[in-house]
C-alpha cells in the first residue's frame, strides 16, 4: 500500500505506537493509522478489501 518494505512498515507501526503511548504488543486501529498517515479511511478500506 505504501510501497515500502515489510521492515519499513514494522518501523512505522512501532513509531506510531510510541507516539500513541502503546506497548509493542498492542494493535493500531485504522483510525489511528489514518490520523497519523493522512491516508483516507476509504483508501485503507479499499486496500484491506482486495
N, C-alpha and C. Protein backbone atom coordinates (compact mmCIF):
# COMPACT_ATOMS: atom_id res chain seq x y z
N UNK A 1 0.82 -1.18 0.00
CA UNK A 1 0.00 0.00 0.00
C UNK A 1 0.87 1.26 0.00
N UNK A 2 1.88 1.30 0.83
CA UNK A 2 2.73 2.48 0.90
C UNK A 2 3.93 2.37 -0.04
N UNK A 3 4.15 1.19 -0.61
CA UNK A 3 5.30 0.98 -1.47
C UNK A 3 6.58 0.74 -0.70
N UNK A 4 6.48 0.57 0.59
CA UNK A 4 7.65 0.35 1.45
C UNK A 4 7.82 -1.14 1.72
N UNK A 5 8.98 -1.51 2.21
CA UNK A 5 9.24 -2.90 2.56
C UNK A 5 8.50 -3.27 3.84
N UNK A 6 8.42 -4.57 4.09
CA UNK A 6 7.77 -5.03 5.32
C UNK A 6 8.47 -4.47 6.55
N UNK A 7 9.79 -4.45 6.53
CA UNK A 7 10.55 -3.92 7.67
C UNK A 7 10.26 -2.43 7.88
N UNK A 8 10.13 -1.69 6.81
CA UNK A 8 9.78 -0.27 6.94
C UNK A 8 8.40 -0.10 7.54
N UNK A 9 7.47 -0.97 7.15
CA UNK A 9 6.13 -0.95 7.72
C UNK A 9 6.15 -1.24 9.21
N UNK A 10 6.99 -2.18 9.61
CA UNK A 10 7.12 -2.52 11.03
C UNK A 10 7.68 -1.34 11.81
N UNK A 11 8.67 -0.67 11.24
CA UNK A 11 9.23 0.51 11.90
C UNK A 11 8.19 1.63 12.03
N UNK A 12 7.39 1.80 10.98
CA UNK A 12 6.34 2.81 11.01
C UNK A 12 5.32 2.50 12.11
N UNK A 13 4.89 1.25 12.21
CA UNK A 13 3.94 0.88 13.25
C UNK A 13 4.53 1.09 14.64
N UNK A 14 5.81 0.78 14.78
CA UNK A 14 6.47 0.98 16.08
C UNK A 14 6.49 2.47 16.44
N UNK A 15 6.77 3.31 15.45
CA UNK A 15 6.80 4.76 15.67
C UNK A 15 5.41 5.28 16.06
N UNK A 16 4.37 4.78 15.38
CA UNK A 16 3.00 5.19 15.70
C UNK A 16 2.65 4.76 17.12
N UNK A 17 2.97 3.52 17.46
CA UNK A 17 2.70 3.03 18.82
C UNK A 17 3.38 3.90 19.87
N UNK A 18 4.63 4.25 19.61
CA UNK A 18 5.38 5.08 20.56
C UNK A 18 4.70 6.44 20.75
N UNK A 19 4.30 7.06 19.66
CA UNK A 19 3.65 8.37 19.74
C UNK A 19 2.30 8.30 20.46
N UNK A 20 1.63 7.14 20.34
CA UNK A 20 0.33 6.97 20.98
C UNK A 20 0.45 6.43 22.41
N UNK A 21 1.66 6.11 22.83
CA UNK A 21 1.86 5.59 24.17
C UNK A 21 1.42 4.14 24.33
N UNK A 22 1.46 3.40 23.22
CA UNK A 22 1.05 2.00 23.26
C UNK A 22 2.27 1.10 23.41
N UNK A 23 2.04 -0.09 23.92
CA UNK A 23 3.12 -1.08 24.06
C UNK A 23 3.27 -1.85 22.75
N UNK A 24 4.40 -2.55 22.60
CA UNK A 24 4.72 -3.25 21.36
C UNK A 24 3.66 -4.28 20.95
N UNK A 25 3.00 -4.90 21.91
CA UNK A 25 2.03 -5.96 21.58
C UNK A 25 0.64 -5.41 21.25
N UNK A 26 0.42 -4.11 21.44
CA UNK A 26 -0.89 -3.53 21.19
C UNK A 26 -1.08 -3.18 19.72
N UNK A 27 -2.30 -3.33 19.26
CA UNK A 27 -2.62 -3.06 17.87
C UNK A 27 -2.84 -1.58 17.62
N UNK A 28 -2.72 -1.18 16.35
CA UNK A 28 -3.03 0.16 15.90
C UNK A 28 -4.35 0.06 15.14
N UNK A 29 -5.30 0.92 15.45
CA UNK A 29 -6.58 0.90 14.74
C UNK A 29 -6.45 1.63 13.40
N UNK A 30 -7.42 1.38 12.53
CA UNK A 30 -7.40 2.09 11.25
C UNK A 30 -7.55 3.59 11.47
N UNK A 31 -8.35 3.99 12.46
CA UNK A 31 -8.49 5.43 12.75
C UNK A 31 -7.14 6.03 13.16
N UNK A 32 -6.41 5.33 14.01
CA UNK A 32 -5.10 5.82 14.46
C UNK A 32 -4.13 5.91 13.28
N UNK A 33 -4.17 4.89 12.41
CA UNK A 33 -3.28 4.90 11.24
C UNK A 33 -3.64 6.02 10.28
N UNK A 34 -4.93 6.20 10.02
CA UNK A 34 -5.32 7.27 9.09
C UNK A 34 -4.99 8.64 9.64
N UNK A 35 -5.18 8.84 10.94
CA UNK A 35 -4.83 10.12 11.55
C UNK A 35 -3.34 10.40 11.44
N UNK A 36 -2.52 9.38 11.62
CA UNK A 36 -1.07 9.55 11.58
C UNK A 36 -0.58 9.74 10.13
N UNK A 37 -1.08 8.88 9.24
CA UNK A 37 -0.54 8.85 7.87
C UNK A 37 -1.16 9.88 6.93
N UNK A 38 -2.39 10.28 7.24
CA UNK A 38 -3.09 11.18 6.33
C UNK A 38 -3.76 10.46 5.18
N UNK A 39 -3.67 9.14 5.15
CA UNK A 39 -4.35 8.34 4.12
C UNK A 39 -5.80 8.20 4.55
N UNK A 40 -6.72 8.42 3.62
CA UNK A 40 -8.15 8.41 3.97
C UNK A 40 -8.62 7.00 4.34
N UNK A 41 -9.68 6.96 5.13
CA UNK A 41 -10.29 5.68 5.52
C UNK A 41 -10.76 4.90 4.30
N UNK A 42 -11.24 5.61 3.30
CA UNK A 42 -11.73 4.95 2.09
C UNK A 42 -10.61 4.20 1.37
N UNK A 43 -9.46 4.83 1.27
CA UNK A 43 -8.31 4.20 0.61
C UNK A 43 -7.86 2.98 1.42
N UNK A 44 -7.82 3.12 2.73
CA UNK A 44 -7.44 2.00 3.60
C UNK A 44 -8.43 0.85 3.43
N UNK A 45 -9.72 1.17 3.45
CA UNK A 45 -10.76 0.14 3.31
C UNK A 45 -10.64 -0.59 1.97
N UNK A 46 -10.41 0.14 0.88
CA UNK A 46 -10.24 -0.48 -0.42
C UNK A 46 -9.06 -1.43 -0.42
N UNK A 47 -7.96 -1.00 0.16
CA UNK A 47 -6.75 -1.83 0.22
C UNK A 47 -7.00 -3.10 1.03
N UNK A 48 -7.68 -2.98 2.16
CA UNK A 48 -7.92 -4.12 3.03
C UNK A 48 -8.91 -5.11 2.42
N UNK A 49 -9.80 -4.63 1.57
CA UNK A 49 -10.81 -5.49 0.96
C UNK A 49 -10.27 -6.26 -0.25
N UNK A 50 -9.17 -5.81 -0.82
CA UNK A 50 -8.60 -6.50 -2.01
C UNK A 50 -7.91 -7.78 -1.64
